Amino acid sequence: MRRLYAQLDGLEWGAWLVVRIAVGLEFFGSGLGKLGKLNGLIHYFRSLGIPAAEILAPFVASTELVCGALIAVGLVTRPAAVMLCGVMTVAIVTAAAPEKHITASWHGMLEFFYLPEVLLFLLLVWVVAGAGRASLDARLGARG
């Protein structure tokens, strides 16, 4: 059993790589889509009561695009993941949880953890730990 665990530990870099690329591409694609429909995003932000929607909508879309690309290739991964954690926190608080009418109860907690935004946030928290050895950060000797 120890040998099996040791072999699985040797494959850890692959898990980091797959998660990092999947999360990065998810945000890259989301940012690209939002930039393509910026007027709709601005209107949506206004409907949520987000102030300065004309400024924040392009900022969020650009952040998702750039930080998603950086995470996918593993370059300055930690700062990019922290930026996206901020975006996801605001998305959860202003849109995802209120739209699902999540309450402070056992059932509400279960619904909260089923939100895709929460899952992406948790994956980003994992990515904040680093890009893994199959990344540009590792090649450049950075801790990012």
N, C-alpha and C. Protein backbone atom coordinates (compact mmCIF):
# COMPACT_ATOMS: atom_id res chain seq x y z
N MET A 1 0.82 -1.18 0.00
CA MET A 1 0.00 0.00 0.00
C MET A 1 0.87 1.26 0.00
N ARG A 2 1.97 1.22 0.75
CA ARG A 2 2.87 2.39 0.78
C ARG A 2 3.46 2.66 -0.60
N ARG A 3 3.77 1.61 -1.31
CA ARG A 3 4.34 1.79 -2.65
C ARG A 3 3.30 2.43 -3.58
N LEU A 4 2.07 1.99 -3.47
CA LEU A 4 1.00 2.58 -4.28
C LEU A 4 0.84 4.07 -3.96
N TYR A 5 0.82 4.39 -2.67
CA TYR A 5 0.72 5.79 -2.28
C TYR A 5 1.91 6.61 -2.76
N ALA A 6 3.08 6.02 -2.72
CA ALA A 6 4.27 6.72 -3.21
C ALA A 6 4.16 6.99 -4.70
N GLN A 7 3.65 6.02 -5.45
CA GLN A 7 3.46 6.22 -6.89
C GLN A 7 2.42 7.29 -7.16
N LEU A 8 1.34 7.27 -6.40
CA LEU A 8 0.31 8.30 -6.57
C LEU A 8 0.85 9.68 -6.22
N ASP A 9 1.69 9.75 -5.18
CA ASP A 9 2.31 11.03 -4.83
C ASP A 9 3.17 11.54 -5.98
N GLY A 10 3.79 10.63 -6.71
CA GLY A 10 4.61 11.03 -7.85
C GLY A 10 3.79 11.60 -9.00
N LEU A 11 2.51 11.35 -8.99
CA LEU A 11 1.62 11.87 -10.05
C LEU A 11 0.92 13.17 -9.63
N GLU A 12 1.27 13.67 -8.47
CA GLU A 12 0.61 14.87 -7.96
C GLU A 12 0.71 16.04 -8.93
N TRP A 13 1.84 16.17 -9.60
CA TRP A 13 2.02 17.27 -10.54
C TRP A 13 0.94 17.25 -11.62
N GLY A 14 0.50 16.06 -12.01
CA GLY A 14 -0.54 15.95 -13.04
C GLY A 14 -1.88 16.51 -12.56
N ALA A 15 -2.19 16.26 -11.30
CA ALA A 15 -3.44 16.81 -10.75
C ALA A 15 -3.38 18.33 -10.72
N TRP A 16 -2.24 18.88 -10.27
CA TRP A 16 -2.07 20.34 -10.27
C TRP A 16 -2.26 20.89 -11.68
N LEU A 17 -1.64 20.22 -12.64
CA LEU A 17 -1.68 20.69 -14.03
C LEU A 17 -3.12 20.69 -14.56
N VAL A 18 -3.83 19.60 -14.36
CA VAL A 18 -5.20 19.50 -14.89
C VAL A 18 -6.11 20.54 -14.24
N VAL A 19 -6.03 20.67 -12.92
CA VAL A 19 -6.88 21.64 -12.23
C VAL A 19 -6.53 23.05 -12.68
N ARG A 20 -5.24 23.34 -12.74
CA ARG A 20 -4.82 24.69 -13.10
C ARG A 20 -5.29 25.05 -14.52
N ILE A 21 -5.12 24.16 -15.46
CA ILE A 21 -5.53 24.43 -16.84
C ILE A 21 -7.05 24.56 -16.93
N ALA A 22 -7.78 23.66 -16.27
CA ALA A 22 -9.24 23.72 -16.32
C ALA A 22 -9.78 25.01 -15.73
N VAL A 23 -9.27 25.39 -14.55
CA VAL A 23 -9.74 26.63 -13.91
C VAL A 23 -9.33 27.83 -14.76
N GLY A 24 -8.11 27.84 -15.25
CA GLY A 24 -7.64 28.96 -16.06
C GLY A 24 -8.47 29.13 -17.33
N LEU A 25 -8.74 28.03 -18.01
CA LEU A 25 -9.53 28.12 -19.24
C LEU A 25 -10.97 28.51 -18.96
N GLU A 26 -11.51 28.06 -17.83
CA GLU A 26 -12.87 28.45 -17.45
C GLU A 26 -12.97 29.97 -17.32
N PHE A 27 -12.01 30.56 -16.61
CA PHE A 27 -12.05 32.01 -16.43
C PHE A 27 -11.68 32.75 -17.72
N PHE A 28 -10.75 32.24 -18.48
CA PHE A 28 -10.39 32.87 -19.75
C PHE A 28 -11.61 32.93 -20.66
N GLY A 29 -12.30 31.81 -20.80
CA GLY A 29 -13.49 31.76 -21.65
C GLY A 29 -14.61 32.65 -21.13
N SER A 30 -14.77 32.68 -19.82
CA SER A 30 -15.79 33.53 -19.22
C SER A 30 -15.49 35.01 -19.47
N GLY A 31 -14.24 35.39 -19.28
CA GLY A 31 -13.84 36.78 -19.52
C GLY A 31 -14.02 37.18 -20.97
N LEU A 32 -13.64 36.27 -21.87
CA LEU A 32 -13.79 36.53 -23.30
C LEU A 32 -15.26 36.73 -23.66
N GLY A 33 -16.12 35.87 -23.12
CA GLY A 33 -17.55 36.00 -23.38
C GLY A 33 -18.13 37.28 -22.83
N LYS A 34 -17.68 37.66 -21.63
CA LYS A 34 -18.18 38.89 -21.02
C LYS A 34 -17.72 40.12 -21.78
N LEU A 35 -16.49 40.11 -22.27
CA LEU A 35 -16.01 41.25 -23.07
C LEU A 35 -16.79 41.36 -24.38
N GLY A 36 -17.21 40.22 -24.91
CA GLY A 36 -17.99 40.22 -26.15
C GLY A 36 -19.41 40.72 -25.96
N LYS A 37 -19.90 40.67 -24.74
CA LYS A 37 -21.27 41.12 -24.43
C LYS A 37 -21.23 42.12 -23.29
N LEU A 38 -20.35 43.09 -23.41
CA LEU A 38 -20.09 44.03 -22.33
C LEU A 38 -21.32 44.85 -21.94
N ASN A 39 -22.11 45.29 -22.92
CA ASN A 39 -23.30 46.07 -22.60
C ASN A 39 -24.28 45.26 -21.74
N GLY A 40 -24.43 44.00 -22.06
CA GLY A 40 -25.30 43.13 -21.25
C GLY A 40 -24.76 42.94 -19.85
N LEU A 41 -23.44 42.83 -19.72
CA LEU A 41 -22.82 42.68 -18.40
C LEU A 41 -23.00 43.94 -17.57
N ILE A 42 -22.84 45.09 -18.21
CA ILE A 42 -23.05 46.36 -17.50
C ILE A 42 -24.49 46.44 -16.99
N HIS A 43 -25.44 46.07 -17.84
CA HIS A 43 -26.85 46.08 -17.44
C HIS A 43 -27.09 45.11 -16.28
N TYR A 44 -26.49 43.93 -16.34
CA TYR A 44 -26.64 42.93 -15.28
C TYR A 44 -26.05 43.46 -13.96
N PHE A 45 -24.87 44.07 -14.03
CA PHE A 45 -24.26 44.65 -12.82
C PHE A 45 -25.17 45.71 -12.22
N ARG A 46 -25.76 46.54 -13.08
CA ARG A 46 -26.69 47.57 -12.59
C ARG A 46 -27.88 46.92 -11.88
N SER A 47 -28.41 45.84 -12.47
CA SER A 47 -29.57 45.17 -11.87
C SER A 47 -29.24 44.57 -10.51
N LEU A 48 -27.97 44.26 -10.29
CA LEU A 48 -27.53 43.74 -8.99
C LEU A 48 -27.23 44.85 -7.99
N GLY A 49 -27.27 46.09 -8.46
CA GLY A 49 -26.99 47.22 -7.58
C GLY A 49 -25.49 47.46 -7.40
N ILE A 50 -24.68 46.96 -8.30
CA ILE A 50 -23.24 47.16 -8.22
C ILE A 50 -22.93 48.57 -8.70
N PRO A 51 -22.27 49.37 -7.87
CA PRO A 51 -21.97 50.76 -8.27
C PRO A 51 -20.92 50.81 -9.37
N ALA A 52 -20.92 51.88 -10.13
CA ALA A 52 -19.95 52.11 -11.21
C ALA A 52 -19.87 50.91 -12.15
N ALA A 53 -21.01 50.41 -12.56
CA ALA A 53 -21.06 49.22 -13.42
C ALA A 53 -20.28 49.42 -14.72
N GLU A 54 -20.26 50.64 -15.25
CA GLU A 54 -19.55 50.92 -16.50
C GLU A 54 -18.04 50.72 -16.35
N ILE A 55 -17.55 50.86 -15.13
CA ILE A 55 -16.11 50.68 -14.86
C ILE A 55 -15.84 49.25 -14.41
N LEU A 56 -16.69 48.74 -13.50
CA LEU A 56 -16.43 47.43 -12.91
C LEU A 56 -16.68 46.27 -13.88
N ALA A 57 -17.65 46.39 -14.77
CA ALA A 57 -17.93 45.29 -15.70
C ALA A 57 -16.73 45.01 -16.61
N PRO A 58 -16.16 46.02 -17.27
CA PRO A 58 -14.98 45.71 -18.08
C PRO A 58 -13.78 45.28 -17.23
N PHE A 59 -13.68 45.81 -16.01
CA PHE A 59 -12.59 45.41 -15.12
C PHE A 59 -12.70 43.93 -14.77
N VAL A 60 -13.90 43.48 -14.41
CA VAL A 60 -14.11 42.08 -14.05
C VAL A 60 -13.86 41.18 -15.25
N ALA A 61 -14.40 41.55 -16.41
CA ALA A 61 -14.22 40.74 -17.61
C ALA A 61 -12.74 40.64 -17.98
N SER A 62 -12.03 41.75 -17.91
CA SER A 62 -10.60 41.75 -18.23
C SER A 62 -9.80 40.95 -17.21
N THR A 63 -10.18 41.07 -15.94
CA THR A 63 -9.50 40.31 -14.90
C THR A 63 -9.67 38.82 -15.13
N GLU A 64 -10.88 38.40 -15.45
CA GLU A 64 -11.12 36.98 -15.72
C GLU A 64 -10.31 36.51 -16.92
N LEU A 65 -10.28 37.32 -17.97
CA LEU A 65 -9.55 36.94 -19.19
C LEU A 65 -8.05 36.82 -18.92
N VAL A 66 -7.46 37.87 -18.37
CA VAL A 66 -6.01 37.89 -18.17
C VAL A 66 -5.58 36.90 -17.10
N CYS A 67 -6.24 36.93 -15.95
CA CYS A 67 -5.85 36.03 -14.86
C CYS A 67 -6.12 34.57 -15.22
N GLY A 68 -7.18 34.33 -15.96
CA GLY A 68 -7.46 32.97 -16.42
C GLY A 68 -6.35 32.45 -17.32
N ALA A 69 -5.89 33.29 -18.25
CA ALA A 69 -4.78 32.90 -19.13
C ALA A 69 -3.51 32.65 -18.33
N LEU A 70 -3.22 33.53 -17.37
CA LEU A 70 -2.03 33.37 -16.54
C LEU A 70 -2.06 32.08 -15.74
N ILE A 71 -3.21 31.76 -15.18
CA ILE A 71 -3.34 30.52 -14.42
C ILE A 71 -3.19 29.31 -15.34
N ALA A 72 -3.79 29.35 -16.51
CA ALA A 72 -3.71 28.22 -17.44
C ALA A 72 -2.27 27.88 -17.80
N VAL A 73 -1.44 28.90 -18.00
CA VAL A 73 -0.04 28.63 -18.35
C VAL A 73 0.86 28.54 -17.13
N GLY A 74 0.32 28.90 -15.96
CA GLY A 74 1.10 28.80 -14.73
C GLY A 74 2.11 29.91 -14.55
N LEU A 75 1.72 31.13 -14.89
CA LEU A 75 2.62 32.28 -14.76
C LEU A 75 2.00 33.27 -13.78
N VAL A 76 2.77 33.72 -12.81
CA VAL A 76 2.30 34.54 -11.69
C VAL A 76 0.95 34.00 -11.19
N THR A 77 0.94 32.72 -10.96
CA THR A 77 -0.28 31.99 -10.64
C THR A 77 -0.93 32.45 -9.35
N ARG A 78 -0.14 32.60 -8.32
CA ARG A 78 -0.72 32.97 -7.02
C ARG A 78 -1.40 34.33 -7.05
N PRO A 79 -0.76 35.38 -7.53
CA PRO A 79 -1.48 36.67 -7.60
C PRO A 79 -2.72 36.61 -8.49
N ALA A 80 -2.63 35.88 -9.60
CA ALA A 80 -3.78 35.76 -10.50
C ALA A 80 -4.94 35.05 -9.79
N ALA A 81 -4.63 34.00 -9.05
CA ALA A 81 -5.67 33.26 -8.33
C ALA A 81 -6.28 34.12 -7.22
N VAL A 82 -5.46 34.90 -6.54
CA VAL A 82 -5.98 35.78 -5.49
C VAL A 82 -6.94 36.82 -6.10
N MET A 83 -6.56 37.38 -7.24
CA MET A 83 -7.45 38.35 -7.92
C MET A 83 -8.79 37.70 -8.26
N LEU A 84 -8.74 36.49 -8.78
CA LEU A 84 -9.98 35.82 -9.15
C LEU A 84 -10.78 35.38 -7.93
N CYS A 85 -10.12 35.10 -6.81
CA CYS A 85 -10.85 34.82 -5.56
C CYS A 85 -11.68 36.04 -5.17
N GLY A 86 -11.13 37.22 -5.36
CA GLY A 86 -11.89 38.44 -5.07
C GLY A 86 -13.10 38.57 -5.98
N VAL A 87 -12.90 38.31 -7.26
CA VAL A 87 -14.01 38.37 -8.22
C VAL A 87 -15.09 37.37 -7.83
N MET A 88 -14.67 36.16 -7.46
CA MET A 88 -15.65 35.12 -7.12
C MET A 88 -16.38 35.43 -5.82
N THR A 89 -15.68 36.03 -4.87
CA THR A 89 -16.34 36.39 -3.62
C THR A 89 -17.47 37.38 -3.88
N VAL A 90 -17.19 38.39 -4.69
CA VAL A 90 -18.22 39.37 -5.03
C VAL A 90 -19.35 38.70 -5.81
N ALA A 91 -19.02 37.81 -6.73
CA ALA A 91 -20.05 37.11 -7.51
C ALA A 91 -20.95 36.26 -6.61
N ILE A 92 -20.36 35.59 -5.64
CA ILE A 92 -21.15 34.76 -4.74
C ILE A 92 -22.07 35.61 -3.89
N VAL A 93 -21.54 36.70 -3.35
CA VAL A 93 -22.31 37.54 -2.42
C VAL A 93 -23.39 38.34 -3.13
N THR A 94 -23.08 38.87 -4.31
CA THR A 94 -24.03 39.75 -4.98
C THR A 94 -25.00 39.03 -5.90
N ALA A 95 -24.61 37.89 -6.45
CA ALA A 95 -25.46 37.26 -7.46
C ALA A 95 -25.82 35.81 -7.13
N ALA A 96 -24.84 34.94 -6.99
CA ALA A 96 -25.11 33.51 -6.91
C ALA A 96 -25.98 33.13 -5.71
N ALA A 97 -25.57 33.52 -4.52
CA ALA A 97 -26.34 33.15 -3.33
C ALA A 97 -27.72 33.82 -3.30
N PRO A 98 -27.81 35.14 -3.57
CA PRO A 98 -29.15 35.76 -3.56
C PRO A 98 -30.10 35.19 -4.63
N GLU A 99 -29.58 34.87 -5.81
CA GLU A 99 -30.44 34.35 -6.87
C GLU A 99 -31.02 32.98 -6.52
N LYS A 100 -30.29 32.21 -5.72
CA LYS A 100 -30.78 30.89 -5.29
C LYS A 100 -31.54 30.96 -3.97
N HIS A 101 -31.66 32.17 -3.43
CA HIS A 101 -32.39 32.39 -2.17
C HIS A 101 -31.88 31.47 -1.07
N ILE A 102 -30.58 31.42 -0.93
CA ILE A 102 -29.94 30.56 0.06
C ILE A 102 -30.14 31.15 1.45
N THR A 103 -30.56 30.30 2.36
CA THR A 103 -30.85 30.73 3.73
C THR A 103 -29.80 30.19 4.68
N ALA A 104 -29.77 30.74 5.88
CA ALA A 104 -28.85 30.28 6.92
C ALA A 104 -29.46 29.08 7.63
N SER A 105 -29.34 27.92 6.99
CA SER A 105 -29.88 26.68 7.54
C SER A 105 -29.04 25.52 7.01
N TRP A 106 -29.31 24.33 7.51
CA TRP A 106 -28.59 23.16 7.03
C TRP A 106 -28.81 22.99 5.53
N HIS A 107 -30.04 23.09 5.10
CA HIS A 107 -30.36 22.97 3.67
C HIS A 107 -29.69 24.10 2.87
N GLY A 108 -29.71 25.30 3.43
CA GLY A 108 -29.07 26.43 2.76
C GLY A 108 -27.57 26.23 2.61
N MET A 109 -26.94 25.64 3.64
CA MET A 109 -25.51 25.38 3.55
C MET A 109 -25.21 24.37 2.43
N LEU A 110 -26.04 23.34 2.33
CA LEU A 110 -25.85 22.36 1.26
C LEU A 110 -26.03 23.01 -0.10
N GLU A 111 -27.05 23.85 -0.24
CA GLU A 111 -27.26 24.56 -1.51
C GLU A 111 -26.08 25.46 -1.83
N PHE A 112 -25.54 26.12 -0.81
CA PHE A 112 -24.40 27.00 -0.99
C PHE A 112 -23.21 26.24 -1.58
N PHE A 113 -22.91 25.08 -1.05
CA PHE A 113 -21.76 24.32 -1.55
C PHE A 113 -22.00 23.67 -2.90
N TYR A 114 -23.25 23.66 -3.35
CA TYR A 114 -23.55 23.18 -4.71
C TYR A 114 -23.41 24.27 -5.76
N LEU A 115 -23.22 25.52 -5.33
CA LEU A 115 -23.07 26.60 -6.30
C LEU A 115 -21.77 26.42 -7.09
N PRO A 116 -21.80 26.51 -8.41
CA PRO A 116 -20.57 26.40 -9.19
C PRO A 116 -19.55 27.47 -8.83
N GLU A 117 -20.05 28.65 -8.45
CA GLU A 117 -19.14 29.73 -8.06
C GLU A 117 -18.34 29.37 -6.82
N VAL A 118 -18.95 28.65 -5.90
CA VAL A 118 -18.25 28.23 -4.68
C VAL A 118 -17.19 27.19 -5.03
N LEU A 119 -17.53 26.26 -5.89
CA LEU A 119 -16.56 25.26 -6.32
C LEU A 119 -15.36 25.92 -7.00
N LEU A 120 -15.62 26.87 -7.89
CA LEU A 120 -14.52 27.58 -8.55
C LEU A 120 -13.68 28.34 -7.53
N PHE A 121 -14.33 28.94 -6.56
CA PHE A 121 -13.60 29.65 -5.50
C PHE A 121 -12.67 28.68 -4.76
N LEU A 122 -13.19 27.51 -4.40
CA LEU A 122 -12.37 26.53 -3.67
C LEU A 122 -11.21 26.02 -4.52
N LEU A 123 -11.44 25.83 -5.80
CA LEU A 123 -10.34 25.43 -6.69
C LEU A 123 -9.30 26.53 -6.79
N LEU A 124 -9.75 27.78 -6.82
CA LEU A 124 -8.80 28.90 -6.85
C LEU A 124 -7.98 28.95 -5.56
N VAL A 125 -8.60 28.66 -4.44
CA VAL A 125 -7.87 28.63 -3.18
C VAL A 125 -6.77 27.57 -3.26
N TRP A 126 -7.07 26.44 -3.88
CA TRP A 126 -6.05 25.39 -4.06
C TRP A 126 -4.93 25.90 -4.96
N VAL A 127 -5.28 26.61 -6.02
CA VAL A 127 -4.29 27.13 -6.95
C VAL A 127 -3.42 28.21 -6.29
N VAL A 128 -3.96 28.92 -5.30
CA VAL A 128 -3.17 29.91 -4.58
C VAL A 128 -1.94 29.26 -3.94
N ALA A 129 -2.03 27.96 -3.64
CA ALA A 129 -0.89 27.24 -3.07
C ALA A 129 0.28 27.14 -4.04
N GLY A 130 0.03 27.35 -5.33
CA GLY A 130 1.10 27.33 -6.32
C GLY A 130 0.66 26.68 -7.60
N ALA A 131 1.50 26.82 -8.60
CA ALA A 131 1.17 26.33 -9.94
C ALA A 131 1.56 24.89 -10.17
N GLY A 132 2.42 24.36 -9.33
CA GLY A 132 2.92 23.00 -9.55
C GLY A 132 4.15 23.02 -10.43
N ARG A 133 4.78 21.87 -10.53
CA ARG A 133 6.07 21.83 -11.24
C ARG A 133 5.92 21.89 -12.76
N ALA A 134 4.73 21.64 -13.29
CA ALA A 134 4.51 21.73 -14.74
C ALA A 134 3.92 23.11 -15.06
N SER A 135 4.70 24.17 -14.76
CA SER A 135 4.21 25.53 -14.98
C SER A 135 5.37 26.43 -15.37
N LEU A 136 5.02 27.58 -15.92
CA LEU A 136 6.06 28.57 -16.21
C LEU A 136 6.68 29.10 -14.93
N ASP A 137 5.88 29.23 -13.88
CA ASP A 137 6.42 29.66 -12.60
C ASP A 137 7.57 28.75 -12.16
N ALA A 138 7.34 27.45 -12.26
CA ALA A 138 8.38 26.48 -11.86
C ALA A 138 9.61 26.58 -12.75
N ARG A 139 9.39 26.74 -14.03
CA ARG A 139 10.52 26.85 -14.97
C ARG A 139 11.35 28.10 -14.72
N LEU A 140 10.66 29.18 -14.32
CA LEU A 140 11.35 30.44 -14.08
C LEU A 140 11.90 30.54 -12.65
N GLY A 141 11.61 29.51 -11.85
CA GLY A 141 12.09 29.51 -10.48
C GLY A 141 11.32 30.43 -9.57
N ALA A 142 10.13 30.84 -10.01
CA ALA A 142 9.30 31.75 -9.21
C ALA A 142 8.44 30.95 -8.25
N ARG A 143 8.01 31.59 -7.21
CA ARG A 143 7.09 30.95 -6.27
C ARG A 143 5.64 31.27 -6.64
N GLY A 144 5.44 32.09 -7.68
CA GLY A 144 4.13 32.58 -8.07
C GLY A 144 3.20 31.56 -8.47
